[in-house]
């Protein structure tokens, strides 16, 4: 069955989640971040994901913005930067202005010109996603931006992936699901989607019951997968 619908995770897949810490490290007001911004960014992202998993399995859902703040607070504490409220505020402000990876706009345009449906399916709250989409300038090439807030649980819960068929009336085999998170690509594969893992960091494959169908270094070849 041909692919009709391409669905993307947002953070780390379309939008560069390390951009906030990297940009702040280059600002004269925060020279102390120059040497450890990568460590801070890695801690922030890992805790952000871990907190979504813990909240999902304990039925303690909250919106992704609170999770993002909690994760940053842990990361700042872990890197010895917790006593700088200006730094915290600047990092959070920039999270609403994340830029897309360089290949994203042309990739989405190519998919749309080929007649494919395109969408985001993300843990992000609707307001956060709207900010990122507008900042990156890719809204015109997306048919929908779907947030887990509609079902009240984070990925990889099955009812999150259910949102795609409900929204577009397609079968699982008509969907190419793309994520930079190996566990997300694996979960979506178990659900029945064709999946692509964007492995920008060249990490090992997660030891899970399911594997992504494709492993890519960036998103530029996505149109070739569905042509």
N, C-alpha and C. Protein backbone atom coordinates (compact mmCIF):
# COMPACT_ATOMS: atom_id res chain seq x y z
N UNK A 1 0.85 -1.20 0.00
CA UNK A 1 0.00 0.00 0.00
C UNK A 1 0.88 1.24 0.00
N UNK A 2 0.65 2.19 -0.90
CA UNK A 2 1.52 3.37 -0.98
C UNK A 2 1.36 4.30 0.22
N UNK A 3 2.42 5.03 0.51
CA UNK A 3 2.38 6.03 1.57
C UNK A 3 1.60 7.25 1.07
N UNK A 4 0.63 7.68 1.85
CA UNK A 4 -0.14 8.89 1.52
C UNK A 4 0.08 10.02 2.52
N UNK A 5 0.60 9.67 3.70
CA UNK A 5 0.65 10.61 4.82
C UNK A 5 2.01 10.53 5.51
N UNK A 6 2.70 11.66 5.59
CA UNK A 6 4.00 11.74 6.26
C UNK A 6 3.84 12.52 7.55
N UNK A 7 4.14 11.88 8.66
CA UNK A 7 3.94 12.48 9.98
C UNK A 7 5.28 12.58 10.68
N UNK A 8 5.54 13.75 11.24
CA UNK A 8 6.84 14.04 11.85
C UNK A 8 6.70 14.36 13.33
N UNK A 9 7.58 13.79 14.13
CA UNK A 9 7.80 14.32 15.47
C UNK A 9 8.35 15.74 15.29
N UNK A 10 8.22 16.55 16.32
CA UNK A 10 8.63 17.95 16.19
C UNK A 10 10.03 18.20 16.75
N UNK A 11 10.19 18.07 18.07
CA UNK A 11 11.41 18.49 18.74
C UNK A 11 12.54 17.48 18.53
N UNK A 12 13.62 17.96 17.92
CA UNK A 12 14.74 17.10 17.59
C UNK A 12 14.63 16.47 16.22
N UNK A 13 13.43 16.51 15.64
CA UNK A 13 13.20 15.94 14.32
C UNK A 13 13.11 17.05 13.28
N UNK A 14 12.11 17.92 13.41
CA UNK A 14 12.02 19.09 12.55
C UNK A 14 12.75 20.29 13.14
N UNK A 15 12.68 20.43 14.47
CA UNK A 15 13.22 21.61 15.15
C UNK A 15 14.43 21.25 16.02
N UNK A 16 15.44 22.08 15.94
CA UNK A 16 16.71 21.83 16.62
C UNK A 16 16.60 22.20 18.10
N UNK A 17 16.49 21.21 18.97
CA UNK A 17 16.30 21.47 20.40
C UNK A 17 17.57 21.94 21.09
N UNK A 18 18.71 21.81 20.45
CA UNK A 18 19.95 22.31 21.06
C UNK A 18 20.18 23.78 20.75
N UNK A 19 19.35 24.36 19.89
CA UNK A 19 19.59 25.72 19.42
C UNK A 19 19.54 26.75 20.54
N UNK A 20 18.64 26.56 21.52
CA UNK A 20 18.50 27.55 22.58
C UNK A 20 19.79 27.67 23.39
N UNK A 21 20.32 26.55 23.86
CA UNK A 21 21.56 26.59 24.66
C UNK A 21 22.73 27.06 23.82
N UNK A 22 22.79 26.64 22.57
CA UNK A 22 23.89 27.06 21.70
C UNK A 22 23.87 28.57 21.46
N UNK A 23 22.70 29.12 21.26
CA UNK A 23 22.61 30.57 21.02
C UNK A 23 22.97 31.36 22.26
N UNK A 24 22.46 30.92 23.41
CA UNK A 24 22.76 31.64 24.66
C UNK A 24 24.25 31.62 24.95
N UNK A 25 24.91 30.53 24.63
CA UNK A 25 26.35 30.42 24.87
C UNK A 25 27.14 31.44 24.06
N UNK A 26 26.57 31.94 23.00
CA UNK A 26 27.24 32.92 22.16
C UNK A 26 26.92 34.36 22.54
N UNK A 27 26.05 34.54 23.52
CA UNK A 27 25.66 35.88 23.95
C UNK A 27 26.59 36.37 25.06
N UNK A 28 26.97 37.63 24.99
CA UNK A 28 27.99 38.18 25.89
C UNK A 28 27.54 38.16 27.35
N UNK A 29 26.24 38.13 27.58
CA UNK A 29 25.74 38.15 28.94
C UNK A 29 25.96 36.83 29.68
N UNK A 30 26.21 35.76 28.92
CA UNK A 30 26.31 34.44 29.55
C UNK A 30 27.59 33.72 29.13
N UNK A 31 28.75 34.30 29.38
CA UNK A 31 30.01 33.67 28.95
C UNK A 31 30.29 32.36 29.68
N UNK A 32 29.71 32.19 30.87
CA UNK A 32 29.94 30.99 31.65
C UNK A 32 29.29 29.75 31.04
N UNK A 33 28.46 29.96 29.99
CA UNK A 33 27.82 28.82 29.35
C UNK A 33 28.63 28.30 28.16
N UNK A 34 29.63 29.03 27.76
CA UNK A 34 30.36 28.70 26.54
C UNK A 34 30.97 27.30 26.57
N UNK A 35 31.50 26.92 27.72
CA UNK A 35 32.21 25.64 27.81
C UNK A 35 31.32 24.44 28.11
N UNK A 36 30.09 24.69 28.55
CA UNK A 36 29.26 23.54 28.93
C UNK A 36 27.84 23.60 28.38
N UNK A 37 27.61 24.38 27.32
CA UNK A 37 26.26 24.46 26.78
C UNK A 37 25.78 23.12 26.22
N UNK A 38 26.70 22.33 25.66
CA UNK A 38 26.29 21.04 25.11
C UNK A 38 25.84 20.08 26.21
N UNK A 39 26.57 20.11 27.34
CA UNK A 39 26.17 19.27 28.46
C UNK A 39 24.80 19.70 28.98
N UNK A 40 24.60 21.01 29.08
CA UNK A 40 23.31 21.52 29.54
C UNK A 40 22.20 21.09 28.58
N UNK A 41 22.43 21.25 27.28
CA UNK A 41 21.42 20.89 26.28
C UNK A 41 21.09 19.40 26.35
N UNK A 42 22.12 18.57 26.52
CA UNK A 42 21.89 17.12 26.59
C UNK A 42 21.10 16.73 27.84
N UNK A 43 21.48 17.31 28.98
CA UNK A 43 20.74 17.05 30.23
C UNK A 43 19.28 17.48 30.08
N UNK A 44 19.09 18.66 29.52
CA UNK A 44 17.75 19.23 29.37
C UNK A 44 16.87 18.30 28.53
N UNK A 45 17.38 17.87 27.41
CA UNK A 45 16.59 17.03 26.52
C UNK A 45 16.32 15.66 27.14
N UNK A 46 17.34 15.05 27.74
CA UNK A 46 17.15 13.72 28.32
C UNK A 46 16.11 13.75 29.43
N UNK A 47 16.21 14.73 30.33
CA UNK A 47 15.24 14.81 31.43
C UNK A 47 13.85 15.13 30.91
N UNK A 48 13.77 15.93 29.87
CA UNK A 48 12.48 16.24 29.26
C UNK A 48 11.79 14.95 28.81
N UNK A 49 12.53 14.09 28.15
CA UNK A 49 11.97 12.82 27.69
C UNK A 49 11.65 11.89 28.87
N UNK A 50 12.58 11.79 29.81
CA UNK A 50 12.35 10.90 30.94
C UNK A 50 11.10 11.30 31.72
N UNK A 51 10.90 12.59 31.89
CA UNK A 51 9.72 13.04 32.64
C UNK A 51 8.43 12.73 31.89
N UNK A 52 8.44 12.75 30.55
CA UNK A 52 7.23 12.37 29.82
C UNK A 52 6.92 10.90 30.02
N UNK A 53 7.95 10.06 30.00
CA UNK A 53 7.72 8.62 30.19
C UNK A 53 7.17 8.34 31.58
N UNK A 54 7.78 8.96 32.59
CA UNK A 54 7.34 8.74 33.96
C UNK A 54 5.91 9.22 34.18
N UNK A 55 5.58 10.36 33.60
CA UNK A 55 4.22 10.87 33.75
C UNK A 55 3.22 9.99 33.01
N UNK A 56 3.64 9.44 31.87
CA UNK A 56 2.73 8.58 31.11
C UNK A 56 2.41 7.30 31.87
N UNK A 57 3.43 6.65 32.44
CA UNK A 57 3.19 5.36 33.07
C UNK A 57 2.58 5.49 34.46
N UNK A 58 2.63 6.70 35.05
CA UNK A 58 2.04 6.91 36.37
C UNK A 58 0.73 7.69 36.29
N UNK A 59 0.24 7.92 35.07
CA UNK A 59 -1.01 8.63 34.85
C UNK A 59 -1.00 9.99 35.55
N UNK A 60 0.12 10.71 35.39
CA UNK A 60 0.28 12.03 36.02
C UNK A 60 0.55 13.07 34.93
N UNK A 61 -0.32 13.12 33.95
CA UNK A 61 -0.08 13.97 32.78
C UNK A 61 -0.12 15.46 33.14
N UNK A 62 0.76 16.19 32.47
CA UNK A 62 0.73 17.65 32.51
C UNK A 62 1.17 18.12 31.13
N UNK A 63 1.05 19.40 30.86
CA UNK A 63 1.43 19.84 29.52
C UNK A 63 2.96 19.89 29.39
N UNK A 64 3.40 19.85 28.14
CA UNK A 64 4.82 19.73 27.83
C UNK A 64 5.62 20.96 28.26
N UNK A 65 4.98 22.09 28.39
CA UNK A 65 5.70 23.28 28.81
C UNK A 65 6.18 23.14 30.25
N UNK A 66 5.35 22.60 31.13
CA UNK A 66 5.79 22.37 32.51
C UNK A 66 6.90 21.33 32.55
N UNK A 67 6.78 20.28 31.75
CA UNK A 67 7.83 19.26 31.68
C UNK A 67 9.14 19.89 31.21
N UNK A 68 9.06 20.77 30.23
CA UNK A 68 10.25 21.43 29.70
C UNK A 68 10.91 22.29 30.77
N UNK A 69 10.12 23.00 31.56
CA UNK A 69 10.68 23.82 32.63
C UNK A 69 11.30 22.96 33.73
N UNK A 70 10.61 21.90 34.12
CA UNK A 70 11.15 21.00 35.15
C UNK A 70 12.48 20.39 34.69
N UNK A 71 12.54 20.00 33.43
CA UNK A 71 13.76 19.39 32.90
C UNK A 71 14.90 20.39 32.87
N UNK A 72 14.60 21.63 32.50
CA UNK A 72 15.64 22.66 32.49
C UNK A 72 16.14 22.93 33.90
N UNK A 73 15.25 22.99 34.87
CA UNK A 73 15.68 23.23 36.25
C UNK A 73 16.62 22.14 36.72
N UNK A 74 16.32 20.89 36.38
CA UNK A 74 17.22 19.79 36.75
C UNK A 74 18.57 19.96 36.04
N UNK A 75 18.53 20.29 34.75
CA UNK A 75 19.76 20.43 33.98
C UNK A 75 20.62 21.57 34.49
N UNK A 76 20.00 22.68 34.85
CA UNK A 76 20.75 23.81 35.40
C UNK A 76 21.39 23.43 36.73
N UNK A 77 20.66 22.69 37.54
CA UNK A 77 21.20 22.24 38.82
C UNK A 77 22.38 21.29 38.59
N UNK A 78 22.23 20.38 37.65
CA UNK A 78 23.27 19.38 37.39
C UNK A 78 24.55 20.01 36.84
N UNK A 79 24.44 21.14 36.17
CA UNK A 79 25.61 21.79 35.59
C UNK A 79 26.09 22.99 36.43
N UNK A 80 25.54 23.14 37.63
CA UNK A 80 25.98 24.21 38.52
C UNK A 80 25.54 25.59 38.11
N UNK A 81 24.43 25.69 37.38
CA UNK A 81 23.96 26.98 36.87
C UNK A 81 22.60 27.36 37.42
N UNK A 82 22.16 26.70 38.48
CA UNK A 82 20.80 26.89 38.97
C UNK A 82 20.58 28.26 39.59
N UNK A 83 21.62 28.97 39.95
CA UNK A 83 21.45 30.26 40.62
C UNK A 83 21.37 31.46 39.70
N UNK A 84 21.08 31.25 38.42
CA UNK A 84 21.05 32.34 37.45
C UNK A 84 19.67 32.43 36.81
N UNK A 85 18.74 33.18 37.44
CA UNK A 85 17.38 33.26 36.90
C UNK A 85 17.31 33.91 35.52
N UNK A 86 18.23 34.81 35.19
CA UNK A 86 18.23 35.43 33.87
C UNK A 86 18.56 34.40 32.79
N UNK A 87 19.48 33.51 33.11
CA UNK A 87 19.83 32.45 32.17
C UNK A 87 18.64 31.53 31.94
N UNK A 88 17.98 31.16 33.02
CA UNK A 88 16.81 30.29 32.90
C UNK A 88 15.74 30.93 32.02
N UNK A 89 15.45 32.20 32.27
CA UNK A 89 14.43 32.88 31.49
C UNK A 89 14.81 32.97 30.02
N UNK A 90 16.08 33.27 29.75
CA UNK A 90 16.51 33.41 28.36
C UNK A 90 16.40 32.08 27.63
N UNK A 91 16.80 30.99 28.26
CA UNK A 91 16.70 29.68 27.63
C UNK A 91 15.25 29.29 27.33
N UNK A 92 14.37 29.56 28.28
CA UNK A 92 12.96 29.24 28.07
C UNK A 92 12.34 30.10 26.98
N UNK A 93 12.71 31.37 26.95
CA UNK A 93 12.19 32.25 25.90
C UNK A 93 12.59 31.74 24.51
N UNK A 94 13.83 31.31 24.39
CA UNK A 94 14.32 30.84 23.09
C UNK A 94 13.68 29.53 22.67
N UNK A 95 13.17 28.77 23.62
CA UNK A 95 12.55 27.49 23.26
C UNK A 95 11.28 27.69 22.43
N UNK A 96 10.72 28.88 22.51
CA UNK A 96 9.54 29.20 21.70
C UNK A 96 9.93 29.67 20.30
N UNK A 97 11.23 29.77 20.04
CA UNK A 97 11.70 30.30 18.76
C UNK A 97 12.69 29.35 18.08
N UNK A 98 12.54 28.08 18.30
CA UNK A 98 13.46 27.11 17.72
C UNK A 98 13.40 27.13 16.20
N UNK A 99 14.54 26.97 15.58
CA UNK A 99 14.60 26.95 14.13
C UNK A 99 14.56 25.51 13.61
N UNK A 100 14.07 25.36 12.39
CA UNK A 100 14.07 24.05 11.75
C UNK A 100 15.48 23.69 11.30
N UNK A 101 15.76 22.40 11.20
CA UNK A 101 17.00 21.98 10.59
C UNK A 101 17.03 22.44 9.13
N UNK A 102 18.21 22.66 8.57
CA UNK A 102 18.31 23.32 7.26
C UNK A 102 17.52 22.65 6.14
N UNK A 103 17.45 21.31 6.16
CA UNK A 103 16.80 20.60 5.05
C UNK A 103 15.28 20.54 5.15
N UNK A 104 14.72 20.98 6.29
CA UNK A 104 13.30 20.78 6.55
C UNK A 104 12.38 21.53 5.58
N UNK A 105 12.55 22.84 5.36
CA UNK A 105 11.60 23.53 4.49
C UNK A 105 11.49 22.94 3.09
N UNK A 106 12.62 22.68 2.45
CA UNK A 106 12.57 22.14 1.09
C UNK A 106 12.01 20.72 1.08
N UNK A 107 12.31 19.93 2.11
CA UNK A 107 11.79 18.57 2.19
C UNK A 107 10.27 18.59 2.28
N UNK A 108 9.71 19.45 3.14
CA UNK A 108 8.26 19.54 3.27
C UNK A 108 7.61 20.04 1.98
N UNK A 109 8.22 21.00 1.34
CA UNK A 109 7.67 21.51 0.08
C UNK A 109 7.64 20.42 -0.98
N UNK A 110 8.68 19.60 -1.03
CA UNK A 110 8.72 18.52 -2.00
C UNK A 110 7.62 17.51 -1.74
N UNK A 111 7.38 17.18 -0.49
CA UNK A 111 6.30 16.26 -0.16
C UNK A 111 4.94 16.82 -0.56
N UNK A 112 4.73 18.09 -0.26
CA UNK A 112 3.45 18.71 -0.59
C UNK A 112 3.25 18.79 -2.10
N UNK A 113 4.30 19.11 -2.84
CA UNK A 113 4.18 19.20 -4.30
C UNK A 113 3.90 17.84 -4.92
N UNK A 114 4.25 16.77 -4.21
CA UNK A 114 3.98 15.41 -4.69
C UNK A 114 2.59 14.94 -4.29
N UNK A 115 1.84 15.77 -3.59
CA UNK A 115 0.47 15.44 -3.23
C UNK A 115 0.31 14.68 -1.94
N UNK A 116 1.35 14.63 -1.13
CA UNK A 116 1.28 13.90 0.14
C UNK A 116 0.72 14.78 1.25
N UNK A 117 0.07 14.15 2.19
CA UNK A 117 -0.38 14.83 3.40
C UNK A 117 0.78 14.90 4.37
N UNK A 118 0.97 16.04 5.01
CA UNK A 118 2.06 16.21 5.97
C UNK A 118 1.51 16.71 7.30
N UNK A 119 2.11 16.24 8.38
CA UNK A 119 1.63 16.64 9.71
C UNK A 119 2.73 16.49 10.74
N UNK A 120 2.53 17.17 11.84
CA UNK A 120 3.33 16.98 13.06
C UNK A 120 2.48 16.23 14.06
N UNK A 121 3.09 15.27 14.76
CA UNK A 121 2.48 14.62 15.92
C UNK A 121 3.50 14.70 17.04
N UNK A 122 3.20 15.49 18.06
CA UNK A 122 4.22 15.84 19.04
C UNK A 122 3.70 15.82 20.47
N UNK A 123 4.65 15.60 21.40
CA UNK A 123 4.35 15.78 22.81
C UNK A 123 4.12 17.24 23.17
N UNK A 124 4.55 18.15 22.33
CA UNK A 124 4.46 19.57 22.62
C UNK A 124 3.04 20.05 22.81
N UNK A 125 2.87 21.06 23.64
CA UNK A 125 1.55 21.66 23.81
C UNK A 125 1.20 22.46 22.56
N UNK A 126 -0.08 22.70 22.29
CA UNK A 126 -0.46 23.44 21.09
C UNK A 126 0.22 24.79 20.97
N UNK A 127 0.32 25.52 22.06
CA UNK A 127 0.93 26.86 22.00
C UNK A 127 2.42 26.76 21.66
N UNK A 128 3.12 25.81 22.27
CA UNK A 128 4.54 25.62 21.98
C UNK A 128 4.76 25.26 20.51
N UNK A 129 3.95 24.35 20.02
CA UNK A 129 4.09 23.92 18.64
C UNK A 129 3.78 25.06 17.67
N UNK A 130 2.78 25.83 17.99
CA UNK A 130 2.46 26.97 17.13
C UNK A 130 3.64 27.94 17.07
N UNK A 131 4.27 28.18 18.22
CA UNK A 131 5.43 29.07 18.24
C UNK A 131 6.57 28.54 17.39
N UNK A 132 6.85 27.25 17.49
CA UNK A 132 7.95 26.66 16.72
C UNK A 132 7.64 26.66 15.23
N UNK A 133 6.42 26.30 14.87
CA UNK A 133 6.04 26.26 13.45
C UNK A 133 6.12 27.65 12.83
N UNK A 134 5.62 28.64 13.56
CA UNK A 134 5.66 30.01 13.04
C UNK A 134 7.09 30.53 12.96
N UNK A 135 7.89 30.25 13.97
CA UNK A 135 9.28 30.71 13.98
C UNK A 135 10.07 30.10 12.84
N UNK A 136 9.82 28.82 12.55
CA UNK A 136 10.54 28.14 11.48
C UNK A 136 9.96 28.42 10.10
N UNK A 137 8.76 28.98 10.06
CA UNK A 137 8.15 29.33 8.78
C UNK A 137 7.72 28.15 7.94
N UNK A 138 7.28 27.06 8.58
CA UNK A 138 6.90 25.86 7.83
C UNK A 138 5.41 25.56 7.88
N UNK A 139 4.64 26.45 8.46
CA UNK A 139 3.21 26.19 8.62
C UNK A 139 2.48 25.97 7.31
N UNK A 140 2.90 26.64 6.25
CA UNK A 140 2.23 26.52 4.96
C UNK A 140 2.38 25.17 4.31
N UNK A 141 3.33 24.36 4.78
CA UNK A 141 3.56 23.04 4.20
C UNK A 141 3.13 21.91 5.12
N UNK A 142 2.30 22.24 6.11
CA UNK A 142 1.77 21.23 7.03
C UNK A 142 0.25 21.24 6.96
N UNK A 143 -0.34 20.05 6.86
CA UNK A 143 -1.80 19.94 6.85
C UNK A 143 -2.39 19.94 8.25
N UNK A 144 -1.60 19.56 9.24
CA UNK A 144 -2.08 19.54 10.61
C UNK A 144 -0.91 19.53 11.57
N UNK A 145 -1.13 20.09 12.74
CA UNK A 145 -0.18 20.03 13.84
C UNK A 145 -0.93 19.43 15.02
N UNK A 146 -0.62 18.20 15.35
CA UNK A 146 -1.36 17.45 16.36
C UNK A 146 -0.55 17.34 17.65
N UNK A 147 -1.21 17.65 18.75
CA UNK A 147 -0.57 17.61 20.06
C UNK A 147 -1.17 16.51 20.91
N UNK A 148 -0.35 15.90 21.75
CA UNK A 148 -0.83 14.85 22.65
C UNK A 148 -1.83 15.40 23.66
N UNK A 149 -1.92 16.72 23.79
CA UNK A 149 -2.90 17.29 24.71
C UNK A 149 -4.32 16.89 24.35
N UNK A 150 -4.54 16.50 23.10
CA UNK A 150 -5.87 16.06 22.69
C UNK A 150 -6.27 14.74 23.34
N UNK A 151 -5.29 13.94 23.77
CA UNK A 151 -5.60 12.64 24.37
C UNK A 151 -5.07 12.53 25.80
N UNK A 152 -4.27 13.49 26.25
CA UNK A 152 -3.86 13.53 27.65
C UNK A 152 -2.85 12.50 28.09
N UNK A 153 -1.96 12.11 27.17
CA UNK A 153 -0.87 11.20 27.53
C UNK A 153 0.26 11.40 26.53
N UNK A 154 1.49 11.17 26.96
CA UNK A 154 2.64 11.36 26.08
C UNK A 154 2.92 10.09 25.26
N UNK A 155 3.65 10.28 24.16
CA UNK A 155 4.15 9.14 23.38
C UNK A 155 5.10 8.29 24.24
N UNK A 156 5.15 7.00 23.97
CA UNK A 156 4.57 6.27 22.84
C UNK A 156 3.25 5.58 23.13
N UNK A 157 2.36 6.18 23.90
CA UNK A 157 1.05 5.57 24.16
C UNK A 157 0.29 5.37 22.85
N UNK A 158 -0.40 4.26 22.75
CA UNK A 158 -1.09 3.90 21.51
C UNK A 158 -2.10 4.95 21.10
N UNK A 159 -2.80 5.53 22.06
CA UNK A 159 -3.85 6.47 21.67
C UNK A 159 -3.28 7.77 21.09
N UNK A 160 -1.99 8.02 21.28
CA UNK A 160 -1.37 9.15 20.59
C UNK A 160 -1.28 8.84 19.09
N UNK A 161 -0.78 7.65 18.75
CA UNK A 161 -0.68 7.27 17.34
C UNK A 161 -2.05 7.11 16.70
N UNK A 162 -3.07 6.77 17.50
CA UNK A 162 -4.44 6.68 16.98
C UNK A 162 -4.91 7.99 16.35
N UNK A 163 -4.33 9.10 16.80
CA UNK A 163 -4.78 10.41 16.33
C UNK A 163 -4.60 10.58 14.83
N UNK A 164 -3.61 9.89 14.25
CA UNK A 164 -3.35 10.04 12.83
C UNK A 164 -4.48 9.47 11.99
N UNK A 165 -4.87 8.24 12.27
CA UNK A 165 -5.98 7.65 11.53
C UNK A 165 -7.28 8.40 11.74
N UNK A 166 -7.49 8.87 12.97
CA UNK A 166 -8.71 9.63 13.26
C UNK A 166 -8.74 10.93 12.47
N UNK A 167 -7.61 11.59 12.40
CA UNK A 167 -7.57 12.91 11.73
C UNK A 167 -7.63 12.78 10.22
N UNK A 168 -6.95 11.80 9.64
CA UNK A 168 -6.82 11.74 8.19
C UNK A 168 -7.58 10.59 7.54
N UNK A 169 -8.15 9.70 8.32
CA UNK A 169 -8.90 8.60 7.75
C UNK A 169 -8.04 7.62 6.96
N UNK A 170 -6.79 7.50 7.34
CA UNK A 170 -5.87 6.61 6.63
C UNK A 170 -5.59 5.37 7.49
N UNK A 171 -5.10 4.32 6.84
CA UNK A 171 -4.67 3.14 7.57
C UNK A 171 -3.23 3.33 8.05
N UNK A 172 -2.82 2.50 8.98
CA UNK A 172 -1.46 2.62 9.51
C UNK A 172 -0.42 2.42 8.42
N UNK A 173 -0.69 1.51 7.47
CA UNK A 173 0.30 1.23 6.44
C UNK A 173 0.43 2.35 5.42
N UNK A 174 -0.46 3.31 5.43
CA UNK A 174 -0.35 4.46 4.54
C UNK A 174 0.49 5.58 5.15
N UNK A 175 0.97 5.38 6.37
CA UNK A 175 1.67 6.43 7.11
C UNK A 175 3.16 6.16 7.17
N UNK A 176 3.94 7.17 6.83
CA UNK A 176 5.37 7.17 7.15
C UNK A 176 5.53 8.07 8.37
N UNK A 177 5.98 7.49 9.47
CA UNK A 177 6.19 8.25 10.70
C UNK A 177 7.68 8.46 10.90
N UNK A 178 8.06 9.71 11.13
CA UNK A 178 9.47 10.09 11.18
C UNK A 178 9.79 10.72 12.53
N UNK A 179 10.82 10.21 13.18
CA UNK A 179 11.21 10.76 14.48
C UNK A 179 12.71 10.68 14.67
N UNK A 180 13.25 11.62 15.42
CA UNK A 180 14.66 11.58 15.80
C UNK A 180 14.89 10.74 17.05
N UNK A 181 13.80 10.30 17.67
CA UNK A 181 13.88 9.49 18.88
C UNK A 181 13.73 8.03 18.50
N UNK A 182 14.77 7.23 18.78
CA UNK A 182 14.71 5.82 18.43
C UNK A 182 13.55 5.11 19.07
N UNK A 183 13.24 5.42 20.32
CA UNK A 183 12.13 4.77 21.02
C UNK A 183 10.79 5.15 20.39
N UNK A 184 10.67 6.37 19.87
CA UNK A 184 9.44 6.83 19.23
C UNK A 184 9.25 6.12 17.89
N UNK A 185 10.32 6.03 17.11
CA UNK A 185 10.25 5.32 15.84
C UNK A 185 9.93 3.84 16.07
N UNK A 186 10.50 3.27 17.13
CA UNK A 186 10.21 1.87 17.44
C UNK A 186 8.76 1.68 17.87
N UNK A 187 8.29 2.58 18.73
CA UNK A 187 6.89 2.50 19.17
C UNK A 187 5.92 2.63 18.02
N UNK A 188 6.22 3.54 17.10
CA UNK A 188 5.36 3.74 15.93
C UNK A 188 5.41 2.53 15.00
N UNK A 189 6.58 1.88 14.91
CA UNK A 189 6.69 0.66 14.11
C UNK A 189 5.84 -0.44 14.72
N UNK A 190 5.87 -0.56 16.04
CA UNK A 190 5.03 -1.54 16.70
C UNK A 190 3.55 -1.27 16.50
N UNK A 191 3.21 -0.02 16.36
CA UNK A 191 1.82 0.36 16.10
C UNK A 191 1.37 -0.05 14.70
N UNK A 192 2.32 -0.11 13.77
CA UNK A 192 1.99 -0.50 12.40
C UNK A 192 2.37 0.50 11.33
N UNK A 193 2.90 1.65 11.74
CA UNK A 193 3.38 2.63 10.77
C UNK A 193 4.67 2.16 10.12
N UNK A 194 4.90 2.58 8.88
CA UNK A 194 6.25 2.55 8.33
C UNK A 194 7.02 3.67 9.01
N UNK A 195 8.24 3.41 9.44
CA UNK A 195 8.93 4.40 10.26
C UNK A 195 10.32 4.71 9.75
N UNK A 196 10.73 5.94 10.00
CA UNK A 196 12.10 6.38 9.71
C UNK A 196 12.66 7.03 10.96
N UNK A 197 13.81 6.57 11.37
CA UNK A 197 14.52 7.16 12.51
C UNK A 197 15.61 8.08 11.97
N UNK A 198 15.53 9.36 12.33
CA UNK A 198 16.54 10.32 11.93
C UNK A 198 17.63 10.31 13.01
N UNK A 199 18.66 9.59 12.75
CA UNK A 199 19.71 9.35 13.74
C UNK A 199 20.87 10.32 13.50
N UNK A 200 20.65 11.58 13.83
CA UNK A 200 21.65 12.62 13.56
C UNK A 200 22.92 12.41 14.36
N UNK A 201 22.83 11.78 15.52
CA UNK A 201 23.99 11.60 16.39
C UNK A 201 24.68 10.26 16.19
N UNK A 202 24.21 9.46 15.24
CA UNK A 202 24.81 8.15 14.96
C UNK A 202 24.83 7.26 16.20
N UNK A 203 23.70 7.18 16.86
CA UNK A 203 23.57 6.37 18.07
C UNK A 203 23.23 4.92 17.72
N UNK A 204 23.47 3.99 18.65
CA UNK A 204 23.06 2.60 18.42
C UNK A 204 21.54 2.48 18.38
N UNK A 205 21.06 1.44 17.74
CA UNK A 205 19.63 1.18 17.70
C UNK A 205 19.15 0.72 19.08
N UNK A 206 18.01 1.26 19.54
CA UNK A 206 17.46 0.85 20.83
C UNK A 206 17.09 -0.63 20.83
N UNK A 207 17.36 -1.27 21.95
CA UNK A 207 17.02 -2.69 22.11
C UNK A 207 15.56 -2.80 22.56
N UNK A 208 14.67 -2.77 21.59
CA UNK A 208 13.23 -2.84 21.83
C UNK A 208 12.63 -3.90 20.91
N UNK A 209 11.38 -4.30 21.16
CA UNK A 209 10.79 -5.35 20.33
C UNK A 209 10.62 -4.97 18.85
N UNK A 210 10.66 -3.67 18.54
CA UNK A 210 10.44 -3.22 17.18
C UNK A 210 11.61 -2.35 16.73
N UNK A 211 11.84 -2.30 15.43
CA UNK A 211 12.92 -1.51 14.86
C UNK A 211 12.35 -0.58 13.79
N UNK A 212 12.95 0.57 13.60
CA UNK A 212 12.52 1.43 12.50
C UNK A 212 12.81 0.78 11.15
N UNK A 213 11.98 1.10 10.18
CA UNK A 213 12.17 0.55 8.83
C UNK A 213 13.35 1.20 8.12
N UNK A 214 13.59 2.46 8.42
CA UNK A 214 14.67 3.20 7.78
C UNK A 214 15.45 3.97 8.84
N UNK A 215 16.76 4.07 8.66
CA UNK A 215 17.61 4.88 9.54
C UNK A 215 18.32 5.89 8.67
N UNK A 216 18.14 7.17 8.98
CA UNK A 216 18.65 8.26 8.15
C UNK A 216 19.54 9.17 8.98
N UNK A 217 20.43 9.88 8.31
CA UNK A 217 21.28 10.85 9.00
C UNK A 217 20.65 12.24 9.04
N UNK A 218 19.72 12.50 8.14
CA UNK A 218 18.95 13.74 8.16
C UNK A 218 17.66 13.50 7.38
N UNK A 219 16.88 14.55 7.14
CA UNK A 219 15.57 14.39 6.54
C UNK A 219 15.54 14.56 5.04
N UNK A 220 16.66 14.83 4.43
CA UNK A 220 16.67 15.19 3.02
C UNK A 220 16.18 14.07 2.10
N UNK A 221 16.32 12.82 2.51
CA UNK A 221 15.92 11.70 1.65
C UNK A 221 14.49 11.23 1.89
N UNK A 222 13.75 11.90 2.76
CA UNK A 222 12.36 11.48 3.04
C UNK A 222 11.53 11.42 1.75
N UNK A 223 11.58 12.41 0.87
CA UNK A 223 10.76 12.29 -0.36
C UNK A 223 11.08 11.05 -1.18
N UNK A 224 12.34 10.62 -1.16
CA UNK A 224 12.72 9.43 -1.92
C UNK A 224 12.08 8.16 -1.34
N UNK A 225 11.84 8.15 -0.04
CA UNK A 225 11.25 6.97 0.61
C UNK A 225 9.80 6.76 0.20
N UNK A 226 9.13 7.83 -0.16
CA UNK A 226 7.70 7.73 -0.46
C UNK A 226 7.39 7.90 -1.94
N UNK A 227 8.42 8.07 -2.76
CA UNK A 227 8.19 8.26 -4.20
C UNK A 227 7.90 6.93 -4.88
